[in-house]
Protein backbone atom coordinates (compact mmCIF):
# COMPACT_ATOMS: atom_id res chain seq x y z
CA MET A 1 -0.02 0.00 0.02
CA LEU A 2 1.21 3.66 -0.81
CA TYR A 3 0.67 5.94 2.00
CA GLN A 4 1.17 9.71 1.49
CA CYS A 5 1.55 12.10 4.39
CA HIS A 6 1.46 15.87 3.53
CA SER A 7 2.37 18.70 5.90
CA ASN A 8 3.53 22.30 5.82
CA ARG A 9 6.00 21.74 8.78
CA LEU A 10 9.05 19.43 8.49
CA GLU A 11 8.81 18.75 12.11
CA GLU A 12 5.30 17.19 11.74
CA LEU A 13 6.53 15.04 8.95
CA ALA A 14 9.26 13.84 11.12
CA GLU A 15 6.92 13.11 14.01
CA GLN A 16 4.64 11.04 11.77
CA LEU A 17 7.67 9.06 10.41
CA ILE A 18 8.91 8.38 13.97
CA THR A 19 5.48 7.23 14.97
CA THR A 20 5.64 4.74 11.95
CA LEU A 21 9.12 3.62 12.90
CA ALA A 22 7.87 2.74 16.31
CA LYS A 23 5.82 -0.01 14.76
CA PRO A 24 8.02 -3.06 14.47
CA MET A 25 8.73 -4.64 10.96
CA ALA A 26 8.33 -8.22 9.98
CA GLY A 27 12.14 -8.78 10.48
CA PRO A 28 13.18 -7.43 13.77
CA LEU A 29 16.89 -7.06 12.50
CA THR A 30 15.80 -5.59 9.07
CA PRO A 31 17.27 -1.95 8.81
CA GLU A 32 14.77 0.76 8.09
CA THR A 33 15.05 2.01 4.61
CA LEU A 34 14.85 5.92 4.45
CA VAL A 35 15.10 7.91 1.24
CA VAL A 36 16.19 11.59 1.61
CA HIS A 37 17.31 14.36 -0.74
CA GLY A 38 20.68 15.12 0.84
CA THR A 39 23.18 14.69 3.62
CA GLY A 40 21.70 17.72 5.49
CA THR A 41 18.29 16.16 5.81
CA ARG A 42 19.68 12.92 6.85
CA ARG A 43 21.72 14.46 9.72
CA TRP A 44 18.64 16.42 10.75
CA LEU A 45 16.21 13.41 10.54
CA SER A 46 18.63 11.17 12.59
CA LEU A 47 18.83 13.79 15.26
CA GLN A 48 15.04 14.06 15.50
CA ILE A 49 14.72 10.13 15.71
CA ALA A 50 17.47 9.97 18.32
CA THR A 51 15.72 12.76 20.40
CA ARG A 52 12.43 10.96 20.33
CA GLN A 53 13.60 7.27 20.61
CA GLY A 54 16.91 7.85 22.54
CA ILE A 55 18.93 6.41 19.57
CA ALA A 56 19.00 6.35 15.92
CA GLY A 57 20.30 3.00 14.81
CA ASN A 58 19.68 0.37 12.12
CA LEU A 59 18.82 2.97 9.61
CA GLU A 60 19.81 2.65 5.94
CA TYR A 61 19.74 6.08 4.13
CA LEU A 62 19.65 6.27 0.40
CA PHE A 63 19.32 8.96 -2.08
CA PRO A 64 16.62 8.76 -4.67
CA ALA A 65 18.80 7.43 -7.49
CA GLU A 66 20.65 5.01 -5.20
CA PHE A 67 17.29 3.72 -3.91
CA ILE A 68 15.98 2.93 -7.37
CA TRP A 69 19.05 0.92 -8.18
CA TRP A 70 18.81 -0.78 -4.71
CA LEU A 71 15.20 -1.72 -5.61
CA TYR A 72 16.39 -3.28 -9.09
CA ARG A 73 19.24 -5.21 -7.44
CA ARG A 74 17.07 -6.81 -4.84
CA GLN A 75 14.43 -7.86 -7.48
CA LEU A 76 16.87 -8.81 -10.58
CA PRO A 77 19.90 -10.86 -9.96
CA GLU A 78 21.58 -9.71 -13.11
CA VAL A 79 21.72 -6.16 -12.05
CA PRO A 80 25.47 -5.13 -11.16
CA ILE A 81 26.43 -3.62 -7.95
CA THR A 82 27.68 -0.40 -9.66
CA ASN A 83 25.25 1.61 -11.68
CA ALA A 84 27.10 2.48 -14.87
CA PHE A 85 24.85 5.53 -15.32
CA ASP A 86 25.29 7.14 -11.85
CA LEU A 87 26.78 10.69 -12.29
CA PRO A 88 30.47 9.91 -11.51
CA THR A 89 30.59 6.80 -13.64
CA LEU A 90 28.64 8.45 -16.43
CA THR A 91 31.14 11.36 -16.36
CA TRP A 92 34.20 9.02 -16.89
CA ARG A 93 32.43 7.33 -19.67
CA VAL A 94 31.37 10.45 -21.55
CA LEU A 95 35.07 11.67 -21.13
CA ALA A 96 36.39 8.50 -22.48
CA GLN A 97 34.21 9.05 -25.74
CA LEU A 98 35.06 12.74 -25.94
CA GLU A 99 38.79 11.79 -26.24
CA ASN A 100 37.95 9.12 -28.81
CA GLN A 101 38.05 11.61 -31.57
CA GLY A 102 37.65 8.99 -34.24
CA GLU A 103 34.14 7.98 -33.20
CA LEU A 104 32.86 11.29 -32.01
CA PRO A 105 29.74 12.63 -33.74
CA THR A 106 30.17 15.47 -36.35
CA HIS A 107 29.38 18.68 -34.84
CA GLU A 108 31.22 21.91 -35.64
CA THR A 109 30.83 23.68 -32.35
CA LEU A 110 31.79 20.42 -30.44
CA THR A 111 34.75 19.59 -32.64
CA GLN A 112 36.03 23.25 -32.30
CA TYR A 113 35.73 23.30 -28.58
CA LEU A 114 37.52 19.91 -28.01
CA SER A 115 40.33 20.95 -30.38
CA THR A 116 41.00 24.16 -28.44
CA THR A 117 40.35 23.09 -24.80
CA ASP A 118 42.55 21.24 -22.30
CA GLU A 119 41.87 18.27 -20.23
CA HIS A 120 40.18 20.20 -17.49
CA GLY A 121 37.69 21.71 -20.11
CA ARG A 122 37.15 18.29 -21.43
CA TRP A 123 36.36 17.03 -17.85
CA HIS A 124 33.97 19.87 -17.20
CA LEU A 125 32.09 19.18 -20.60
CA ALA A 126 31.85 15.51 -19.72
CA ARG A 127 30.50 16.33 -16.31
CA ARG A 128 27.79 18.69 -17.81
CA LEU A 129 26.91 16.17 -20.44
CA ALA A 130 26.79 13.40 -17.96
CA ARG A 131 24.45 15.46 -15.75
CA MET A 132 22.29 16.20 -18.96
CA TYR A 133 21.88 12.59 -19.75
CA GLU A 134 21.05 11.74 -16.21
CA GLN A 135 18.10 14.46 -16.49
CA TYR A 136 17.08 12.97 -19.76
CA LEU A 137 16.80 9.52 -18.28
CA LEU A 138 14.57 10.92 -15.56
CA TYR A 139 12.37 13.45 -17.50
CA ARG A 140 12.80 12.75 -21.09
CA PRO A 141 12.65 8.95 -21.45
CA ASP A 142 10.81 9.45 -24.72
CA TRP A 143 14.02 10.94 -26.14
CA ILE A 144 16.10 8.10 -24.89
CA ALA A 145 13.75 5.49 -26.50
CA ARG A 146 14.12 7.35 -29.73
CA TRP A 147 17.85 7.64 -29.78
CA GLU A 148 18.23 3.91 -28.88
CA GLN A 149 15.91 3.21 -31.75
CA GLY A 150 18.30 4.80 -34.10
CA HIS A 151 16.25 8.02 -34.63
CA ASP A 152 17.67 11.65 -34.75
CA ALA A 153 20.57 10.46 -36.61
CA LYS A 154 21.89 14.25 -37.19
CA ASP A 155 21.60 15.03 -33.39
CA TRP A 156 25.12 14.83 -31.91
CA GLN A 157 23.69 14.28 -28.57
CA ALA A 158 21.84 11.18 -29.73
CA SER A 159 24.99 10.02 -31.51
CA LEU A 160 26.98 10.36 -28.55
CA TRP A 161 24.44 8.51 -26.39
CA ARG A 162 24.33 5.59 -28.81
CA GLN A 163 28.20 5.61 -28.60
CA LEU A 164 27.99 5.23 -24.85
CA MET A 165 25.63 2.31 -25.34
CA ARG A 166 28.02 0.57 -27.79
CA HIS A 167 30.96 0.96 -25.50
CA GLY A 168 30.28 -0.39 -21.98
CA ASP A 169 27.16 -1.53 -19.97
CA ASP A 170 23.92 -0.29 -21.51
CA ARG A 171 21.70 -1.32 -18.58
CA HIS A 172 20.35 1.91 -17.20
CA TRP A 173 17.25 1.92 -14.86
CA LEU A 174 14.74 2.70 -17.74
CA ALA A 175 16.15 -0.32 -19.83
CA LEU A 176 15.58 -2.52 -16.77
CA GLN A 177 12.15 -1.19 -15.84
CA PRO A 178 10.13 -3.73 -17.74
CA ALA A 179 12.09 -6.63 -16.08
CA LEU A 180 11.47 -5.14 -12.70
CA TYR A 181 7.74 -4.91 -13.35
CA ARG A 182 7.62 -8.52 -14.59
CA SER A 183 9.46 -9.63 -11.40
CA LEU A 184 6.97 -7.70 -9.30
CA ASP A 185 4.06 -9.27 -11.17
CA VAL A 186 5.26 -12.86 -10.64
CA HIS A 187 4.98 -12.65 -6.78
CA SER A 188 1.89 -11.59 -4.84
CA THR A 189 3.92 -10.76 -1.75
CA ALA A 190 7.10 -8.74 -1.37
CA ILE A 191 10.19 -10.76 -2.31
CA ASN A 192 13.68 -9.49 -1.20
CA LEU A 193 12.08 -6.33 0.08
CA PRO A 194 11.51 -4.94 3.55
CA SER A 195 8.05 -4.62 4.86
CA ARG A 196 8.29 -0.74 4.90
CA LEU A 197 9.96 1.78 2.91
CA SER A 198 9.85 5.44 3.81
CA LEU A 199 10.66 8.50 1.50
CA PHE A 200 11.04 11.74 3.43
CA ALA A 201 10.71 15.26 2.39
CA LEU A 202 11.91 14.75 -1.29
CA PRO A 203 11.33 18.03 -3.22
CA THR A 204 10.49 16.18 -6.41
CA LEU A 205 10.47 12.83 -8.07
CA SER A 206 10.42 11.92 -11.68
CA PRO A 207 7.14 10.47 -13.24
CA GLY A 208 9.14 7.25 -13.86
CA TYR A 209 10.30 6.96 -10.26
CA LEU A 210 6.74 7.70 -9.08
CA GLN A 211 5.60 4.94 -11.37
CA THR A 212 7.96 2.39 -9.90
CA LEU A 213 7.00 3.35 -6.44
CA GLN A 214 3.36 2.74 -7.29
CA ARG A 215 4.21 -0.66 -8.54
CA VAL A 216 6.40 -1.56 -5.67
CA SER A 217 3.62 -0.46 -3.15
CA GLU A 218 1.59 -3.30 -4.45
CA GLN A 219 4.15 -5.74 -2.72
CA THR A 220 5.15 -3.70 0.35
CA ASP A 221 4.13 -0.56 2.39
CA VAL A 222 5.58 2.59 0.88
CA PHE A 223 5.29 5.88 2.93
CA LEU A 224 5.85 9.19 1.06
CA TYR A 225 6.25 12.07 3.43
CA THR A 226 6.11 15.38 1.39
CA LEU A 227 6.48 18.82 2.56
CA ASN A 228 3.63 21.00 1.03
CA PRO A 229 3.57 24.73 1.75
CA SER A 230 -0.28 24.92 1.39
CA ALA A 231 -3.37 22.73 2.38
CA VAL A 232 -5.10 24.18 -0.74
CA TYR A 233 -4.63 22.72 -4.23
CA TRP A 234 -2.12 25.11 -5.90
CA ALA A 235 -0.89 23.27 -8.99
CA GLN A 236 -2.96 25.44 -11.32
CA ILE A 237 -1.40 28.85 -10.29
CA THR A 238 0.84 30.61 -12.78
CA SER A 239 3.61 33.10 -12.40
CA GLU A 240 3.54 36.53 -14.12
CA LYS A 241 6.17 35.42 -16.54
CA GLU A 242 4.37 32.42 -17.40
CA THR A 243 0.99 34.40 -18.13
CA LEU A 244 2.99 36.96 -20.09
CA ARG A 245 4.69 34.09 -22.35
CA ALA A 246 1.23 32.54 -22.82
CA THR A 247 -0.49 35.66 -24.03
CA GLN A 248 2.50 36.55 -26.15
CA ARG A 249 2.29 33.20 -27.94
CA ASP A 250 -1.52 33.21 -28.43
CA LYS A 251 -3.18 36.71 -28.65
CA GLU A 252 -6.65 35.03 -28.10
CA VAL A 253 -5.48 34.02 -24.60
CA ILE A 254 -6.94 36.33 -22.01
CA SER A 255 -4.66 36.91 -19.08
CA HIS A 256 -7.40 36.71 -16.42
CA HIS A 257 -8.06 33.07 -17.24
CA PHE A 258 -4.85 32.43 -15.44
CA ASP A 259 -4.86 31.98 -11.76
CA PRO A 260 -1.89 34.05 -10.27
CA GLY A 261 -2.49 32.79 -6.69
CA ASN A 262 0.19 33.50 -4.32
CA THR A 263 3.34 34.98 -5.86
CA LEU A 264 5.76 32.93 -3.69
CA LEU A 265 4.02 29.64 -4.72
CA ALA A 266 3.86 30.63 -8.20
CA SER A 267 7.61 31.29 -8.02
CA ALA A 268 8.13 27.63 -7.10
CA GLY A 269 8.30 26.75 -10.77
CA ARG A 270 6.34 24.55 -13.19
CA GLN A 271 8.08 21.34 -12.33
CA GLN A 272 7.23 21.64 -8.60
CA ARG A 273 3.46 22.09 -9.41
CA GLU A 274 3.52 19.28 -11.96
CA TYR A 275 4.91 17.03 -9.09
CA PHE A 276 2.15 17.81 -6.75
CA ASP A 277 -0.35 17.01 -9.73
CA LEU A 278 1.34 13.64 -10.19
CA LEU A 279 1.02 12.97 -6.41
CA LEU A 280 -2.51 13.47 -6.64
CA GLU A 281 -2.77 10.66 -9.35
CA LEU A 282 -1.19 8.14 -7.35
CA GLU A 283 -3.32 5.29 -5.77
CA GLY A 284 -3.40 4.64 -2.07
CA GLN A 285 -4.08 6.47 1.22
CA SER A 286 -3.48 10.04 1.94
CA ILE A 287 -2.90 11.54 5.45
CA ASP A 288 -3.07 15.37 5.90
CA CYS A 289 -1.10 16.67 8.86
CA PHE A 290 -1.25 20.45 8.20
CA SER A 291 -1.22 23.17 10.90
CA ALA A 292 -1.95 26.86 10.39
CA PRO A 293 1.16 29.08 10.95
CA ASP A 294 1.28 31.29 13.92
CA GLU A 295 0.58 34.84 12.64
CA THR A 296 2.26 36.80 15.52
CA THR A 297 5.30 37.34 13.44
CA LEU A 298 6.04 38.75 10.05
CA LEU A 299 7.42 35.45 8.93
CA GLY A 300 4.19 33.65 10.31
CA ARG A 301 2.03 36.05 8.31
CA ILE A 302 3.89 35.42 5.09
CA GLN A 303 3.70 31.57 5.72
CA ALA A 304 -0.09 32.01 6.45
CA ASP A 305 -0.50 33.71 3.17
CA VAL A 306 0.98 30.87 1.34
CA PHE A 307 -0.71 28.37 3.45
CA GLN A 308 -4.36 29.78 2.83
CA LEU A 309 -3.54 30.67 -0.89
């Protein structure tokens, strides 16, 4: 089952998580799997757990990409320990192809840059390209699929990606996703998974990751603790820049058809709003733990404006 807990206060999310952790899992020695966004959240959450429980032990913290690969390795025996498409590894792989001048895709700007830069410049370019490909895997899986099917032959990014596939491990998480789903479909109960998985205060997850969580939640309990600044649905609001851009594209568009809402929420960006829309589409149980901000301070009044939309 998938459980979603939303709150405008991080402390309340931690309180809900700690309450859940107090319930013993099926295996008494099984570590609690906690997925967090960064080391700061991990440190803060450990302190909260230790303060409440007296100790913070037997906790396995993972970042989102590590967690997805961890899931794959538990379900698919052929998945290697090292993910050949994590950022550090992919950076080195891209660098190797950039230095392989004979097989590089033809692109005037790329060729000119590589012919004039030094090894540090090539490294920084490889790092940026690796990060770009990492984002494509998350948010543009349709592009990756097209490239691997041989489309966009004149696109140098597509050519470089196919070159990476030919030289080295080609098993990225998207390619392995169908095998993971087949493995989950075979078993009616969780195999090689703990009885509880917790994801805490992640600012966003890709649609592919959310889809994977939905499928995994059919086998084991998945708890998604999300920091939400407002108890009101706010995914439809638009910033002034987005409204202006829309009216410039289409003169028939009337600006008052757009909901400006709270300017701070609107400035959160389209990706954040789309993420909350995706969360609403997930099947499972939802728990709201919102509390109205204290308006005795200026900060509290600003938070209240956001909270009430």
